[in-house]
Amino acid sequence: MIKITIDQAASRFAHWLTLIAKGEDVVVLDHERPVARITRCESAAGTRPKVGTLTSAPVRYAADCFAPLTAKELKDWGL
């Protein structure tokens, strides 16, 4: 476990995040009093699929789903 001051955390935040990503725990101290512990967390989403990879079944539409609205349907919608 690495202990750092607030000033150290602020001035080298990217450095600490790199260490945290590798599994280190970092405790931030305010005048030698621990105020925060930063630890690595696992991604909830996991890895993203490659572009173009199917992730679900193809969408199916009814044959008439893009047909123009009838006069009654236009009136019902206030158009």
N, C-alpha and C. Protein backbone atom coordinates (compact mmCIF):
# COMPACT_ATOMS: atom_id res chain seq x y z
N MET A 1 0.85 -1.17 0.00
CA MET A 1 0.00 0.00 0.00
C MET A 1 0.90 1.23 0.00
N ILE A 2 0.57 2.16 -0.88
CA ILE A 2 1.34 3.40 -1.02
C ILE A 2 0.59 4.51 -0.29
N LYS A 3 1.32 5.30 0.49
CA LYS A 3 0.72 6.44 1.19
C LYS A 3 1.29 7.72 0.59
N ILE A 4 0.38 8.64 0.22
CA ILE A 4 0.80 9.90 -0.39
C ILE A 4 0.02 11.05 0.23
N THR A 5 0.56 12.25 0.10
CA THR A 5 -0.14 13.44 0.60
C THR A 5 -1.13 13.93 -0.47
N ILE A 6 -1.98 14.83 -0.08
CA ILE A 6 -2.93 15.42 -1.02
C ILE A 6 -2.19 16.14 -2.15
N ASP A 7 -1.12 16.86 -1.79
CA ASP A 7 -0.34 17.56 -2.82
C ASP A 7 0.29 16.59 -3.80
N GLN A 8 0.82 15.48 -3.31
CA GLN A 8 1.40 14.49 -4.20
C GLN A 8 0.33 13.89 -5.11
N ALA A 9 -0.84 13.63 -4.55
CA ALA A 9 -1.93 13.07 -5.34
C ALA A 9 -2.33 14.02 -6.46
N ALA A 10 -2.41 15.29 -6.15
CA ALA A 10 -2.83 16.27 -7.15
C ALA A 10 -1.78 16.50 -8.23
N SER A 11 -0.52 16.53 -7.82
CA SER A 11 0.52 16.88 -8.78
C SER A 11 0.89 15.73 -9.72
N ARG A 12 0.67 14.48 -9.31
CA ARG A 12 1.05 13.34 -10.14
C ARG A 12 -0.09 12.33 -10.25
N PHE A 13 -1.31 12.83 -10.44
CA PHE A 13 -2.49 11.98 -10.43
C PHE A 13 -2.42 10.87 -11.48
N ALA A 14 -1.98 11.20 -12.69
CA ALA A 14 -1.89 10.20 -13.76
C ALA A 14 -0.92 9.09 -13.37
N HIS A 15 0.18 9.45 -12.72
CA HIS A 15 1.16 8.45 -12.27
C HIS A 15 0.52 7.48 -11.28
N TRP A 16 -0.22 8.02 -10.31
CA TRP A 16 -0.85 7.16 -9.31
C TRP A 16 -1.90 6.27 -9.95
N LEU A 17 -2.65 6.80 -10.91
CA LEU A 17 -3.66 5.99 -11.59
C LEU A 17 -3.01 4.82 -12.34
N THR A 18 -1.84 5.05 -12.89
CA THR A 18 -1.13 3.96 -13.57
C THR A 18 -0.79 2.85 -12.59
N LEU A 19 -0.29 3.22 -11.42
CA LEU A 19 0.04 2.23 -10.40
C LEU A 19 -1.22 1.51 -9.89
N ILE A 20 -2.29 2.26 -9.72
CA ILE A 20 -3.55 1.68 -9.25
C ILE A 20 -4.08 0.67 -10.27
N ALA A 21 -3.98 1.01 -11.54
CA ALA A 21 -4.44 0.10 -12.59
C ALA A 21 -3.66 -1.21 -12.57
N LYS A 22 -2.42 -1.17 -12.09
CA LYS A 22 -1.60 -2.38 -12.00
C LYS A 22 -1.87 -3.17 -10.71
N GLY A 23 -2.75 -2.65 -9.84
CA GLY A 23 -3.13 -3.40 -8.64
C GLY A 23 -2.70 -2.79 -7.33
N GLU A 24 -1.97 -1.69 -7.36
CA GLU A 24 -1.55 -1.05 -6.11
C GLU A 24 -2.74 -0.34 -5.45
N ASP A 25 -2.73 -0.27 -4.12
CA ASP A 25 -3.68 0.55 -3.37
C ASP A 25 -2.95 1.82 -2.95
N VAL A 26 -3.63 2.95 -3.05
CA VAL A 26 -3.04 4.23 -2.67
C VAL A 26 -3.92 4.87 -1.60
N VAL A 27 -3.29 5.25 -0.49
CA VAL A 27 -4.00 5.95 0.58
C VAL A 27 -3.55 7.40 0.54
N VAL A 28 -4.52 8.31 0.53
CA VAL A 28 -4.23 9.75 0.51
C VAL A 28 -4.33 10.26 1.95
N LEU A 29 -3.28 10.98 2.35
CA LEU A 29 -3.19 11.49 3.72
C LEU A 29 -3.35 13.00 3.76
N ASP A 30 -4.04 13.49 4.78
CA ASP A 30 -4.14 14.92 5.06
C ASP A 30 -3.51 15.13 6.44
N HIS A 31 -2.30 15.67 6.44
CA HIS A 31 -1.54 15.84 7.70
C HIS A 31 -1.44 14.52 8.45
N GLU A 32 -1.02 13.48 7.74
CA GLU A 32 -0.79 12.14 8.26
C GLU A 32 -2.07 11.41 8.69
N ARG A 33 -3.23 11.98 8.37
CA ARG A 33 -4.50 11.33 8.67
C ARG A 33 -5.08 10.80 7.36
N PRO A 34 -5.37 9.50 7.25
CA PRO A 34 -5.92 8.95 6.02
C PRO A 34 -7.30 9.55 5.72
N VAL A 35 -7.49 10.03 4.49
CA VAL A 35 -8.78 10.59 4.10
C VAL A 35 -9.40 9.85 2.92
N ALA A 36 -8.60 9.09 2.19
CA ALA A 36 -9.15 8.35 1.05
C ALA A 36 -8.25 7.17 0.71
N ARG A 37 -8.88 6.11 0.23
CA ARG A 37 -8.12 4.98 -0.30
C ARG A 37 -8.59 4.76 -1.72
N ILE A 38 -7.67 4.69 -2.66
CA ILE A 38 -8.00 4.50 -4.07
C ILE A 38 -7.53 3.11 -4.47
N THR A 39 -8.46 2.31 -4.97
CA THR A 39 -8.14 0.95 -5.39
C THR A 39 -8.66 0.71 -6.79
N ARG A 40 -8.13 -0.30 -7.43
CA ARG A 40 -8.55 -0.65 -8.78
C ARG A 40 -9.95 -1.25 -8.73
N CYS A 41 -10.75 -0.96 -9.73
CA CYS A 41 -12.07 -1.58 -9.83
C CYS A 41 -12.17 -2.28 -11.17
N GLU A 42 -12.96 -3.31 -11.21
CA GLU A 42 -13.18 -4.06 -12.44
C GLU A 42 -14.27 -3.38 -13.24
N SER A 43 -14.13 -3.40 -14.53
CA SER A 43 -15.14 -2.81 -15.41
C SER A 43 -16.41 -3.64 -15.35
N ALA A 44 -17.54 -2.97 -15.17
CA ALA A 44 -18.82 -3.67 -15.12
C ALA A 44 -19.24 -4.17 -16.50
N ALA A 45 -18.81 -3.47 -17.53
CA ALA A 45 -19.24 -3.80 -18.88
C ALA A 45 -18.39 -4.89 -19.52
N GLY A 46 -17.21 -5.12 -19.01
CA GLY A 46 -16.32 -6.10 -19.62
C GLY A 46 -15.69 -5.53 -20.88
N THR A 47 -15.27 -6.41 -21.78
CA THR A 47 -14.64 -5.93 -23.00
C THR A 47 -15.68 -5.64 -24.06
N ARG A 48 -15.37 -4.70 -24.91
CA ARG A 48 -16.29 -4.33 -25.98
C ARG A 48 -16.03 -5.20 -27.20
N PRO A 49 -17.09 -5.59 -27.92
CA PRO A 49 -16.89 -6.39 -29.12
C PRO A 49 -16.27 -5.55 -30.24
N LYS A 50 -15.61 -6.21 -31.18
CA LYS A 50 -15.05 -5.51 -32.32
C LYS A 50 -16.18 -4.93 -33.16
N VAL A 51 -15.88 -3.84 -33.83
CA VAL A 51 -16.87 -3.20 -34.70
C VAL A 51 -17.30 -4.20 -35.77
N GLY A 52 -18.61 -4.30 -35.97
CA GLY A 52 -19.15 -5.19 -36.98
C GLY A 52 -19.54 -6.56 -36.44
N THR A 53 -19.21 -6.86 -35.18
CA THR A 53 -19.56 -8.13 -34.58
C THR A 53 -21.03 -8.11 -34.18
N LEU A 54 -21.79 -9.15 -34.57
CA LEU A 54 -23.19 -9.23 -34.18
C LEU A 54 -23.28 -9.52 -32.69
N THR A 55 -24.07 -8.74 -31.97
CA THR A 55 -24.23 -8.94 -30.54
C THR A 55 -25.64 -9.35 -30.15
N SER A 56 -26.55 -9.37 -31.13
CA SER A 56 -27.92 -9.79 -30.88
C SER A 56 -28.53 -10.27 -32.20
N ALA A 57 -29.73 -10.80 -32.11
CA ALA A 57 -30.42 -11.28 -33.30
C ALA A 57 -30.79 -10.08 -34.19
N PRO A 58 -30.83 -10.29 -35.50
CA PRO A 58 -31.22 -9.19 -36.39
C PRO A 58 -32.65 -8.72 -36.10
N VAL A 59 -32.90 -7.44 -36.33
CA VAL A 59 -34.23 -6.86 -36.10
C VAL A 59 -35.12 -7.23 -37.28
N ARG A 60 -36.35 -7.62 -36.98
CA ARG A 60 -37.32 -7.97 -38.01
C ARG A 60 -38.47 -6.96 -37.96
N TYR A 61 -38.91 -6.52 -39.13
CA TYR A 61 -40.01 -5.57 -39.23
C TYR A 61 -41.17 -6.22 -39.97
N ALA A 62 -42.39 -5.83 -39.63
CA ALA A 62 -43.57 -6.29 -40.38
C ALA A 62 -43.49 -5.71 -41.79
N ALA A 63 -44.06 -6.41 -42.75
CA ALA A 63 -43.97 -5.99 -44.15
C ALA A 63 -44.54 -4.59 -44.37
N ASP A 64 -45.56 -4.20 -43.61
CA ASP A 64 -46.20 -2.90 -43.83
C ASP A 64 -45.76 -1.82 -42.82
N CYS A 65 -44.70 -2.04 -42.10
CA CYS A 65 -44.34 -1.09 -41.04
C CYS A 65 -43.94 0.29 -41.57
N PHE A 66 -43.47 0.37 -42.80
CA PHE A 66 -43.08 1.66 -43.37
C PHE A 66 -44.09 2.18 -44.39
N ALA A 67 -45.26 1.56 -44.43
CA ALA A 67 -46.30 2.00 -45.36
C ALA A 67 -46.85 3.36 -44.91
N PRO A 68 -47.28 4.19 -45.85
CA PRO A 68 -47.85 5.49 -45.47
C PRO A 68 -49.09 5.31 -44.59
N LEU A 69 -49.32 6.30 -43.73
CA LEU A 69 -50.52 6.27 -42.88
C LEU A 69 -51.76 6.53 -43.73
N THR A 70 -52.85 5.90 -43.32
CA THR A 70 -54.13 6.14 -44.00
C THR A 70 -54.65 7.51 -43.56
N ALA A 71 -55.69 7.97 -44.26
CA ALA A 71 -56.30 9.26 -43.91
C ALA A 71 -56.85 9.23 -42.49
N LYS A 72 -57.46 8.10 -42.09
CA LYS A 72 -57.99 7.97 -40.72
C LYS A 72 -56.86 8.01 -39.69
N GLU A 73 -55.75 7.31 -39.96
CA GLU A 73 -54.62 7.32 -39.05
C GLU A 73 -54.01 8.72 -38.91
N LEU A 74 -53.93 9.44 -40.01
CA LEU A 74 -53.43 10.82 -39.96
C LEU A 74 -54.33 11.67 -39.09
N LYS A 75 -55.66 11.48 -39.24
CA LYS A 75 -56.60 12.26 -38.45
C LYS A 75 -56.49 11.90 -36.96
N ASP A 76 -56.36 10.59 -36.68
CA ASP A 76 -56.20 10.14 -35.30
C ASP A 76 -54.97 10.74 -34.63
N TRP A 77 -53.91 10.94 -35.39
CA TRP A 77 -52.68 11.52 -34.87
C TRP A 77 -52.70 13.04 -34.89
N GLY A 78 -53.77 13.61 -35.39
CA GLY A 78 -53.89 15.06 -35.45
C GLY A 78 -53.02 15.70 -36.51
N LEU A 79 -52.76 14.94 -37.58
CA LEU A 79 -51.90 15.47 -38.64
C LEU A 79 -52.71 15.82 -39.88
